[in-house]
Amino acid sequence: MPKLQGFEFWSRTLGGARHVVAPMVDQSELAWRLLSRRHGAQLCYTPMLHAQVFVRDANYRKENLYCEVCPEDRPLIVQFCANDPEVFVQAALLAQDYCDAIDLNLGCPQMIAKRGHYGAFLQEEWDLLRRMILLAHEKLAVPVTCKIRVFPEIDKTVKYAQMLEKAGCQLLTVHGRTKEQKGPLSGTASWEHIKAVRKAVAIPVFANGNIQCLRDVERCIRDTGVQGVMSAEGNLHNPALFEGRSPAVWELAEEYLDIVRQHPCPLSCVRAHLFKLWHHTLQVHQQLREELAKVKTLEAAAAVSRELKLRCQEDISRQKEGEKPSGGLPFFHWICQPYLRPGPREGSEENGGARGKRALEEEEGGTDVLSKNKQKKQLRNPHKTFDPSLKPKYAKCDQCGNPKGNRCVFNLCRGCCKKRAFREAADCPGHGLLFKTKLEKSLAWKGAPSRLQEPQPAGPGEPGGLPEVVGSALA
């Protein structure tokens, strides 16, 4: 059967999906996808997978995709981050039998994407992207799709989308923010950019950004003309978003935990989902936040969730007639509802002047302001310093530049020393590598039998002699 393309692919393979759950790192795992599908999602993406790791690591493939067959979990699109055409296609070939399309992540704006040179940090490298999409379109049995962020200029964004379409992209998801709009700097997504792209291409387009409730979904489709709408944060705080419902948090938390018992996933995923679902309640009952952060088992996480449910029910029983939600929330804290991310100034005020996430452009390693992780480390150890000038200086390996072993006979790091010692059959006591000594012992051992045969054993029947059958077995 020929590979379906464009609108035919969207309507027949994806069933004309309009309600889409976004690819989210460690957050759109199988259990969460199944929960979302039960509550109105028509298409789901896997978490972003690293193409190079997917190719080389069988366990990574098994944990993230090659799990038990689950007919409920279709249609499904697998998303990869990659920056090499061959590696991207190798990973896609390994995944294509388990999904309906392969998506190339061109939208991740996080610092890890900048370091790894993928996601939104490839959006200026059009020749590379063209080669990646062309090769995937040629080699794969399933369509290739892309998820992008916009440029500040609408014209450039439109040309970018047209280039991807021409290369072979069969469906395009447009997140209406630039790569600089993240965390406290997110701001509002531009539906004008999305609308312009939709008018300029002849393939289906999904919109992403500003989706907090079902009314937003309907308004976005009406205003931009897209075929579907993708939700990430809105879905995490209310998996029933596409149903147009805002149920009690414990209803969805309990359902999710039941699914996890059938389809296990890492506890870190479960904990992260519970933090999102119970976000507003944890602002009220903050002592349970610490307990949830420390849980080590699924049942311990479920116990904290049950305790939160009891606290909410107590709050409901004390509720006065005509009382309104506090904190400017549209609903009381025990109801699933959107989380509106505060801007930089609001975040600083809420945290008593504490600094929010670093802006993308900040250089790493600066000593003027510490990242949140470094602040936590400093709380645990007040004497810890992150000043590069105060860090001890290490002599470098002659070959690779890593710190060399202080007692290495070759002035190398352990990795380089091991290769050289093996190649030359040499010893390095400093690294505990004894290739020469082991070789000499091996040679001595091989020569041992001839020396052992010199003394003649007593014959059978003689004093100290062995039975004939044993002697013949040893001969």
Protein backbone atom coordinates (compact mmCIF):
# COMPACT_ATOMS: atom_id res chain seq x y z
CA MET A 1 0.00 0.00 0.00
CA PRO A 2 1.49 3.40 -0.96
CA LYS A 3 2.35 5.81 1.82
CA LEU A 4 -0.44 8.29 2.49
CA GLN A 5 0.46 11.97 2.35
CA GLY A 6 -0.84 15.33 3.51
CA PHE A 7 -4.59 15.62 4.04
CA GLU A 8 -5.19 11.99 3.07
CA PHE A 9 -2.80 10.90 5.84
CA TRP A 10 -4.52 13.22 8.35
CA SER A 11 -8.06 12.16 7.48
CA ARG A 12 -7.54 8.40 7.01
CA THR A 13 -4.61 7.39 9.23
CA LEU A 14 -5.12 9.98 11.98
CA GLY A 15 -8.91 9.90 11.71
CA GLY A 16 -9.13 13.66 11.15
CA ALA A 17 -7.78 14.25 14.68
CA ARG A 18 -8.50 17.71 16.09
CA HIS A 19 -7.66 17.20 19.77
CA VAL A 20 -3.96 16.40 20.19
CA VAL A 21 -1.75 15.71 23.22
CA ALA A 22 1.70 17.22 22.74
CA PRO A 23 5.03 15.39 22.95
CA MET A 24 6.39 16.16 26.44
CA VAL A 25 9.69 14.92 27.86
CA ASP A 26 8.92 12.28 30.55
CA GLN A 27 5.28 13.45 30.63
CA SER A 28 3.44 11.92 27.67
CA GLU A 29 4.24 8.32 28.58
CA LEU A 30 1.82 5.46 27.79
CA ALA A 31 -0.22 5.70 31.02
CA TRP A 32 -0.81 9.43 30.56
CA ARG A 33 -1.68 8.98 26.89
CA LEU A 34 -4.29 6.37 27.79
CA LEU A 35 -5.79 8.68 30.41
CA SER A 36 -5.92 11.55 27.91
CA ARG A 37 -7.52 9.36 25.22
CA ARG A 38 -10.26 8.34 27.65
CA HIS A 39 -11.07 12.02 28.10
CA GLY A 40 -11.26 13.32 24.56
CA ALA A 41 -7.75 13.22 23.05
CA GLN A 42 -7.84 11.84 19.50
CA LEU A 43 -4.10 11.76 18.77
CA CYS A 44 -1.06 11.49 21.05
CA TYR A 45 2.69 11.91 20.64
CA THR A 46 5.34 9.99 22.56
CA PRO A 47 7.74 11.95 24.75
CA MET A 48 10.64 13.41 22.79
CA LEU A 49 13.14 10.59 22.23
CA HIS A 50 16.83 11.10 21.51
CA ALA A 51 17.53 9.53 18.11
CA GLN A 52 21.17 8.64 18.80
CA VAL A 53 20.35 6.93 22.11
CA PHE A 54 17.40 5.14 20.50
CA VAL A 55 19.71 3.67 17.85
CA ARG A 56 22.42 2.44 20.21
CA ASP A 57 20.49 1.42 23.35
CA ALA A 58 18.08 -1.53 23.21
CA ASN A 59 16.87 -0.87 26.76
CA TYR A 60 15.98 2.72 25.84
CA ARG A 61 13.91 1.42 22.91
CA LYS A 62 12.17 -1.12 25.12
CA GLU A 63 11.38 1.34 27.91
CA ASN A 64 10.07 4.09 25.64
CA LEU A 65 8.38 2.28 22.74
CA TYR A 66 8.85 -1.49 22.58
CA CYS A 67 6.55 -2.14 25.52
CA GLU A 68 3.45 -4.31 25.47
CA VAL A 69 1.16 -3.90 22.48
CA CYS A 70 -1.66 -1.52 23.39
CA PRO A 71 -4.34 -1.16 20.68
CA GLU A 72 -5.91 1.75 22.61
CA ASP A 73 -2.78 3.82 22.05
CA ARG A 74 -3.35 4.65 18.38
CA PRO A 75 -3.05 6.77 16.36
CA LEU A 76 0.41 7.54 17.73
CA ILE A 77 3.28 9.70 16.46
CA VAL A 78 6.82 9.10 17.70
CA GLN A 79 8.91 12.23 18.10
CA PHE A 80 12.71 12.32 17.84
CA CYS A 81 15.27 15.03 18.38
CA ALA A 82 18.21 14.68 16.02
CA ASN A 83 20.78 16.71 14.10
CA ASP A 84 22.15 14.07 11.73
CA PRO A 85 20.13 12.76 8.74
CA GLU A 86 21.51 9.21 8.90
CA VAL A 87 20.98 8.84 12.66
CA PHE A 88 17.46 10.29 12.43
CA VAL A 89 16.50 7.83 9.71
CA GLN A 90 18.09 4.86 11.53
CA ALA A 91 16.07 5.68 14.65
CA ALA A 92 12.90 6.21 12.61
CA LEU A 93 13.31 2.85 10.85
CA LEU A 94 13.52 1.14 14.24
CA ALA A 95 10.35 2.93 15.41
CA GLN A 96 8.10 3.00 12.33
CA ASP A 97 6.43 -0.37 12.96
CA TYR A 98 5.13 0.88 16.32
CA CYS A 99 3.51 4.14 15.23
CA ASP A 100 1.65 6.01 12.48
CA ALA A 101 4.23 8.73 11.73
CA ILE A 102 7.65 10.02 12.79
CA ASP A 103 7.98 13.62 14.02
CA LEU A 104 11.17 15.68 14.00
CA ASN A 105 11.42 17.99 17.01
CA LEU A 106 12.34 21.49 15.84
CA GLY A 107 10.62 23.25 18.73
CA CYS A 108 12.41 22.42 22.00
CA PRO A 109 13.81 25.70 23.42
CA GLN A 110 15.46 24.30 26.56
CA MET A 111 19.12 24.70 27.46
CA ILE A 112 19.70 20.96 27.01
CA ALA A 113 18.59 21.35 23.37
CA LYS A 114 21.05 24.21 22.93
CA ARG A 115 23.90 22.08 24.32
CA GLY A 116 22.89 19.06 22.22
CA HIS A 117 22.29 21.21 19.12
CA TYR A 118 18.76 20.05 18.33
CA GLY A 119 15.16 21.25 18.64
CA ALA A 120 14.55 24.95 18.04
CA PHE A 121 18.31 25.54 17.77
CA LEU A 122 18.31 24.00 14.28
CA GLN A 123 15.78 26.47 12.88
CA GLU A 124 18.44 28.53 11.08
CA GLU A 125 20.07 25.46 9.45
CA TRP A 126 17.70 25.00 6.54
CA ASP A 127 20.08 22.92 4.39
CA LEU A 128 20.54 20.37 7.19
CA LEU A 129 16.79 20.22 7.88
CA ARG A 130 16.04 19.83 4.19
CA ARG A 131 18.41 16.84 4.00
CA MET A 132 16.94 15.25 7.13
CA ILE A 133 13.35 15.50 5.93
CA LEU A 134 14.16 14.45 2.35
CA LEU A 135 16.02 11.33 3.48
CA ALA A 136 13.31 10.36 5.98
CA HIS A 137 10.56 10.91 3.40
CA GLU A 138 12.43 8.70 0.95
CA LYS A 139 13.34 5.86 3.34
CA LEU A 140 10.39 5.55 5.73
CA ALA A 141 7.20 3.56 5.22
CA VAL A 142 5.28 6.09 7.37
CA PRO A 143 4.98 9.88 6.90
CA VAL A 144 7.41 12.34 8.47
CA THR A 145 6.02 15.36 10.34
CA CYS A 146 7.61 18.36 12.08
CA LYS A 147 6.91 20.50 15.14
CA ILE A 148 8.38 24.00 14.95
CA ARG A 149 8.54 27.32 16.77
CA VAL A 150 8.07 30.59 14.93
CA PHE A 151 10.52 33.32 14.03
CA PRO A 152 9.69 36.88 15.18
CA GLU A 153 8.94 37.71 11.51
CA ILE A 154 5.82 36.16 10.01
CA ASP A 155 7.34 36.16 6.48
CA LYS A 156 10.38 34.16 7.60
CA THR A 157 8.17 31.73 9.50
CA VAL A 158 6.07 31.15 6.37
CA LYS A 159 9.17 30.52 4.20
CA TYR A 160 10.48 28.12 6.87
CA ALA A 161 7.21 26.14 6.82
CA GLN A 162 7.17 26.05 3.00
CA MET A 163 10.74 24.75 2.94
CA LEU A 164 9.81 21.87 5.29
CA GLU A 165 6.72 21.08 3.23
CA LYS A 166 8.75 21.00 0.01
CA ALA A 167 11.31 18.68 1.63
CA GLY A 168 8.61 16.10 2.39
CA CYS A 169 6.95 17.07 5.69
CA GLN A 170 3.34 15.77 5.62
CA LEU A 171 1.95 17.55 8.69
CA LEU A 172 3.23 20.61 10.52
CA THR A 173 2.65 21.61 14.13
CA VAL A 174 3.33 25.30 14.77
CA HIS A 175 3.97 26.50 18.30
CA GLY A 176 3.23 30.22 18.12
CA ARG A 177 6.19 31.27 20.29
CA THR A 178 9.82 31.97 19.46
CA LYS A 179 12.60 29.90 21.01
CA GLU A 180 13.31 32.78 23.40
CA GLN A 181 9.76 32.60 24.82
CA LYS A 182 10.06 30.01 27.57
CA GLY A 183 9.52 29.72 31.32
CA PRO A 184 8.74 33.10 32.89
CA LEU A 185 9.38 34.71 29.49
CA SER A 186 6.72 32.62 27.70
CA GLY A 187 4.21 35.38 27.04
CA THR A 188 1.35 34.81 24.62
CA ALA A 189 1.63 32.58 21.55
CA SER A 190 1.00 34.32 18.23
CA TRP A 191 -1.95 32.82 16.41
CA GLU A 192 -1.27 35.31 13.59
CA HIS A 193 1.91 33.40 12.73
CA ILE A 194 0.00 30.11 12.79
CA LYS A 195 -2.78 31.52 10.59
CA ALA A 196 -0.24 32.77 8.04
CA VAL A 197 1.46 29.36 7.88
CA ARG A 198 -1.86 27.59 7.47
CA LYS A 199 -2.73 29.78 4.47
CA ALA A 200 0.68 29.31 2.88
CA VAL A 201 1.03 25.50 2.92
CA ALA A 202 -0.96 22.66 1.35
CA ILE A 203 -0.50 20.19 4.22
CA PRO A 204 -2.46 19.87 7.50
CA VAL A 205 -1.39 22.21 10.32
CA PHE A 206 -1.81 21.81 14.09
CA ALA A 207 -1.70 24.88 16.36
CA ASN A 208 0.07 24.88 19.73
CA GLY A 209 -0.03 27.64 22.37
CA ASN A 210 -2.61 29.48 24.53
CA ILE A 211 -4.80 26.37 24.99
CA GLN A 212 -6.25 26.17 28.50
CA CYS A 213 -9.83 24.96 27.95
CA LEU A 214 -12.13 23.59 25.25
CA ARG A 215 -13.32 27.11 24.33
CA ASP A 216 -9.71 27.99 23.46
CA VAL A 217 -9.54 24.94 21.19
CA GLU A 218 -12.69 25.95 19.31
CA ARG A 219 -11.63 29.59 19.07
CA CYS A 220 -8.15 28.66 17.79
CA ILE A 221 -9.56 26.44 15.03
CA ARG A 222 -12.01 29.17 14.05
CA ASP A 223 -9.43 32.01 14.08
CA THR A 224 -6.51 30.22 12.41
CA GLY A 225 -8.18 27.64 10.16
CA VAL A 226 -5.93 24.82 11.42
CA GLN A 227 -6.93 21.15 11.27
CA GLY A 228 -6.21 20.41 14.93
CA VAL A 229 -5.04 21.89 18.21
CA MET A 230 -2.26 20.53 20.42
CA SER A 231 -2.12 21.02 24.19
CA ALA A 232 0.75 20.47 26.62
CA GLU A 233 0.43 22.42 29.90
CA GLY A 234 -3.36 22.64 29.64
CA ASN A 235 -3.54 18.85 29.29
CA LEU A 236 -1.16 18.27 32.23
CA HIS A 237 -3.31 20.32 34.61
CA ASN A 238 -6.62 18.99 33.26
CA PRO A 239 -6.54 15.78 31.16
CA ALA A 240 -10.30 16.23 30.63
CA LEU A 241 -9.69 19.53 28.80
CA PHE A 242 -10.82 18.13 25.43
CA GLU A 243 -14.06 16.90 27.02
CA GLY A 244 -14.85 20.43 28.18
CA ARG A 245 -14.96 19.25 31.81
CA SER A 246 -13.21 20.42 34.97
CA PRO A 247 -13.60 17.46 37.37
CA ALA A 248 -12.30 17.12 40.92
CA VAL A 249 -8.55 16.55 40.86
CA TRP A 250 -8.72 13.30 42.82
CA GLU A 251 -11.02 11.77 40.19
CA LEU A 252 -8.34 11.99 37.49
CA ALA A 253 -5.44 11.35 39.90
CA GLU A 254 -7.01 8.06 41.03
CA GLU A 255 -7.79 7.04 37.45
CA TYR A 256 -4.22 7.79 36.37
CA LEU A 257 -2.72 5.79 39.26
CA ASP A 258 -4.95 2.82 38.34
CA ILE A 259 -3.65 2.96 34.75
CA VAL A 260 -0.04 3.13 35.99
CA ARG A 261 -0.61 -0.09 37.95
CA GLN A 262 -1.56 -1.77 34.66
CA HIS A 263 1.08 0.00 32.55
CA PRO A 264 4.02 0.82 34.87
CA CYS A 265 6.25 3.81 34.21
CA PRO A 266 9.11 5.49 36.14
CA LEU A 267 8.08 6.92 39.50
CA SER A 268 9.53 10.28 38.44
CA CYS A 269 6.80 10.52 35.76
CA VAL A 270 4.07 9.69 38.27
CA ARG A 271 5.37 12.22 40.78
CA ALA A 272 5.60 14.94 38.11
CA HIS A 273 2.01 14.31 36.99
CA LEU A 274 0.68 14.44 40.55
CA PHE A 275 2.51 17.72 41.14
CA LYS A 276 0.78 19.17 38.06
CA LEU A 277 -2.67 17.80 38.88
CA TRP A 278 -2.52 18.87 42.53
CA HIS A 279 -0.68 22.14 41.77
CA HIS A 280 -3.25 24.52 43.22
CA THR A 281 -4.03 22.32 46.24
CA LEU A 282 -0.31 22.04 47.07
CA GLN A 283 -0.22 25.84 47.34
CA VAL A 284 -2.77 25.52 50.16
CA HIS A 285 -1.50 22.35 51.87
CA GLN A 286 2.20 22.95 51.41
CA GLN A 287 3.34 20.43 54.03
CA LEU A 288 2.21 17.64 51.69
CA ARG A 289 4.39 18.99 48.88
CA GLU A 290 7.50 17.81 50.72
CA GLU A 291 5.94 14.39 51.34
CA LEU A 292 5.09 13.98 47.66
CA ALA A 293 8.62 14.98 46.67
CA LYS A 294 10.10 12.26 48.92
CA VAL A 295 7.95 9.27 47.93
CA LYS A 296 9.90 6.21 46.82
CA THR A 297 7.09 3.90 45.66
CA LEU A 298 3.88 4.12 43.66
CA GLU A 299 1.79 3.23 46.71
CA ALA A 300 3.45 5.99 48.74
CA ALA A 301 2.54 8.48 45.99
CA ALA A 302 -1.03 7.15 46.01
CA ALA A 303 -1.14 7.58 49.80
CA VAL A 304 -0.16 11.27 49.51
CA SER A 305 -2.81 11.71 46.81
CA ARG A 306 -5.43 10.16 49.12
CA GLU A 307 -4.38 12.49 51.94
CA LEU A 308 -4.74 15.47 49.60
CA LYS A 309 -8.24 14.25 48.72
CA LEU A 310 -9.16 14.11 52.43
CA ARG A 311 -7.82 17.63 52.98
CA CYS A 312 -9.88 18.89 50.03
CA GLN A 313 -13.02 17.22 51.36
CA GLU A 314 -12.42 18.89 54.73
CA ASP A 315 -12.05 22.24 52.92
CA ILE A 316 -15.33 21.58 51.10
CA SER A 317 -17.12 20.80 54.38
CA ARG A 318 -15.91 24.12 55.85
CA GLN A 319 -16.86 26.09 52.77
CA LYS A 320 -19.30 28.92 53.43
CA GLU A 321 -22.23 29.65 51.18
CA GLY A 322 -21.37 32.22 48.51
CA GLU A 323 -17.62 31.89 49.17
CA LYS A 324 -15.44 32.50 46.12
CA PRO A 325 -12.13 30.84 45.16
CA SER A 326 -9.04 32.53 46.58
CA GLY A 327 -5.91 33.56 44.72
CA GLY A 328 -7.79 34.76 41.64
CA LEU A 329 -8.51 31.17 40.52
CA PRO A 330 -11.58 30.51 38.33
CA PHE A 331 -12.45 27.43 40.47
CA PHE A 332 -11.65 26.18 43.96
CA HIS A 333 -8.22 24.59 44.29
CA TRP A 334 -9.56 21.00 44.25
CA ILE A 335 -10.95 21.43 40.72
CA CYS A 336 -8.83 20.72 37.61
CA GLN A 337 -8.12 24.08 36.02
CA PRO A 338 -5.49 25.95 34.01
CA TYR A 339 -2.23 27.14 35.47
CA LEU A 340 -1.34 30.62 34.25
CA ARG A 341 2.43 30.89 34.31
CA PRO A 342 3.52 34.14 36.00
CA GLY A 343 5.76 36.58 34.17
CA PRO A 344 9.27 37.43 35.43
CA ARG A 345 8.07 40.29 37.68
CA GLU A 346 5.08 38.36 39.05
CA GLY A 347 7.26 35.34 39.75
CA SER A 348 9.76 37.42 41.69
CA GLU A 349 7.01 38.94 43.84
CA GLU A 350 5.40 35.55 44.52
CA ASN A 351 8.69 34.02 45.61
CA GLY A 352 9.63 36.90 47.86
CA GLY A 353 12.14 38.27 45.38
CA ALA A 354 13.57 34.86 44.51
CA ARG A 355 14.84 34.63 41.00
CA GLY A 356 12.96 32.56 38.40
CA LYS A 357 14.45 30.45 35.64
CA ARG A 358 17.44 31.77 33.78
CA ALA A 359 16.86 33.46 30.47
CA LEU A 360 18.04 31.39 27.54
CA GLU A 361 20.68 33.89 26.54
CA GLU A 362 22.42 33.88 29.92
CA GLU A 363 25.85 32.37 29.90
CA GLU A 364 26.31 29.27 31.99
CA GLY A 365 28.69 29.30 34.91
CA GLY A 366 28.14 32.93 35.86
CA THR A 367 28.82 33.63 39.51
CA ASP A 368 26.54 36.66 39.85
CA VAL A 369 23.31 34.63 39.93
CA LEU A 370 23.01 30.90 40.63
CA SER A 371 20.62 28.53 38.92
CA LYS A 372 17.89 26.89 41.00
CA ASN A 373 19.80 23.59 41.15
CA LYS A 374 22.93 25.33 42.40
CA GLN A 375 20.89 27.25 44.97
CA LYS A 376 19.55 23.92 46.28
CA LYS A 377 23.07 22.48 46.48
CA GLN A 378 24.23 25.53 48.38
CA LEU A 379 21.35 25.16 50.86
CA ARG A 380 22.51 21.60 51.57
CA ASN A 381 26.14 22.68 51.83
CA PRO A 382 26.56 26.40 52.71
CA HIS A 383 30.34 26.18 52.15
CA LYS A 384 30.00 24.98 48.55
CA THR A 385 31.29 27.41 45.97
CA PHE A 386 30.62 27.60 42.24
CA ASP A 387 33.29 30.21 41.50
CA PRO A 388 35.43 28.73 38.68
CA SER A 389 38.49 30.64 39.91
CA LEU A 390 38.35 28.78 43.23
CA LYS A 391 38.04 25.32 41.74
CA PRO A 392 41.20 23.16 41.90
CA LYS A 393 43.24 23.09 38.70
CA TYR A 394 43.89 19.65 37.25
CA ALA A 395 46.69 18.65 34.93
CA LYS A 396 45.24 17.60 31.59
CA CYS A 397 45.55 14.30 29.78
CA ASP A 398 48.09 14.52 26.94
CA GLN A 399 45.56 13.10 24.48
CA CYS A 400 41.99 14.17 25.25
CA GLY A 401 42.19 17.11 27.65
CA ASN A 402 40.36 15.43 30.54
CA PRO A 403 42.06 15.48 33.98
CA LYS A 404 44.99 13.03 33.96
CA GLY A 405 45.69 10.52 36.69
CA ASN A 406 48.12 11.91 39.24
CA ARG A 407 50.16 8.70 39.26
CA CYS A 408 49.65 7.63 35.67
CA VAL A 409 52.94 6.50 34.11
CA PHE A 410 51.77 7.79 30.70
CA ASN A 411 50.35 11.17 31.91
CA LEU A 412 46.89 10.21 30.62
CA CYS A 413 43.33 10.01 31.93
CA ARG A 414 42.07 6.52 32.80
CA GLY A 415 40.25 6.01 29.48
CA CYS A 416 43.25 6.92 27.32
CA CYS A 417 45.65 5.07 29.66
CA LYS A 418 43.62 1.88 29.40
CA LYS A 419 43.72 1.96 25.59
CA ARG A 420 47.47 2.58 25.50
CA ALA A 421 48.31 0.02 28.19
CA PHE A 422 46.27 -2.61 26.36
CA ARG A 423 47.82 -1.76 23.00
CA GLU A 424 51.38 -1.89 24.37
CA ALA A 425 50.76 -4.72 26.89
CA ALA A 426 52.07 -2.41 29.62
CA ASP A 427 51.28 -1.80 33.29
CA CYS A 428 50.07 1.42 34.95
CA PRO A 429 49.95 0.91 38.74
CA GLY A 430 48.54 4.42 39.14
CA HIS A 431 45.32 3.39 37.39
CA GLY A 432 45.45 -0.22 38.57
CA LEU A 433 45.97 -1.52 35.02
CA LEU A 434 48.20 -4.62 34.90
CA PHE A 435 48.09 -5.86 31.29
CA LYS A 436 51.84 -6.79 31.21
CA THR A 437 51.69 -8.64 34.53
CA LYS A 438 48.59 -10.57 33.52
CA LEU A 439 50.13 -11.49 30.16
CA GLU A 440 53.28 -12.83 31.86
CA LYS A 441 51.18 -14.86 34.30
CA SER A 442 49.14 -16.24 31.42
CA LEU A 443 52.25 -17.31 29.53
CA ALA A 444 53.68 -18.87 32.67
CA TRP A 445 50.44 -20.75 33.27
CA LYS A 446 50.42 -22.12 29.70
CA GLY A 447 53.92 -23.49 30.23
CA ALA A 448 53.06 -25.01 33.62
CA PRO A 449 51.67 -28.44 32.48
CA SER A 450 54.96 -29.47 30.79
CA ARG A 451 56.88 -28.78 34.02
CA LEU A 452 54.28 -30.62 36.09
CA GLN A 453 54.74 -33.76 33.97
CA GLU A 454 58.46 -34.07 34.83
CA PRO A 455 57.98 -36.06 38.09
CA GLN A 456 56.50 -39.45 37.06
CA PRO A 457 53.50 -40.47 39.19
CA ALA A 458 53.44 -43.92 40.72
CA GLY A 459 51.82 -46.59 38.59
CA PRO A 460 48.43 -48.14 39.22
CA GLY A 461 48.42 -50.39 42.21
CA GLU A 462 51.67 -48.96 43.56
CA PRO A 463 51.71 -47.00 46.84
CA GLY A 464 50.36 -43.57 46.15
CA GLY A 465 49.20 -44.62 42.68
CA LEU A 466 45.88 -43.67 41.05
CA PRO A 467 43.25 -46.03 39.63
CA GLU A 468 43.72 -46.59 35.90
CA VAL A 469 40.49 -44.93 34.92
CA VAL A 470 41.41 -41.74 36.75
CA GLY A 471 44.93 -41.74 35.34
CA SER A 472 43.60 -42.07 31.79
CA ALA A 473 41.13 -39.25 32.35
CA LEU A 474 43.92 -36.94 33.45
CA ALA A 475 46.26 -37.91 30.60
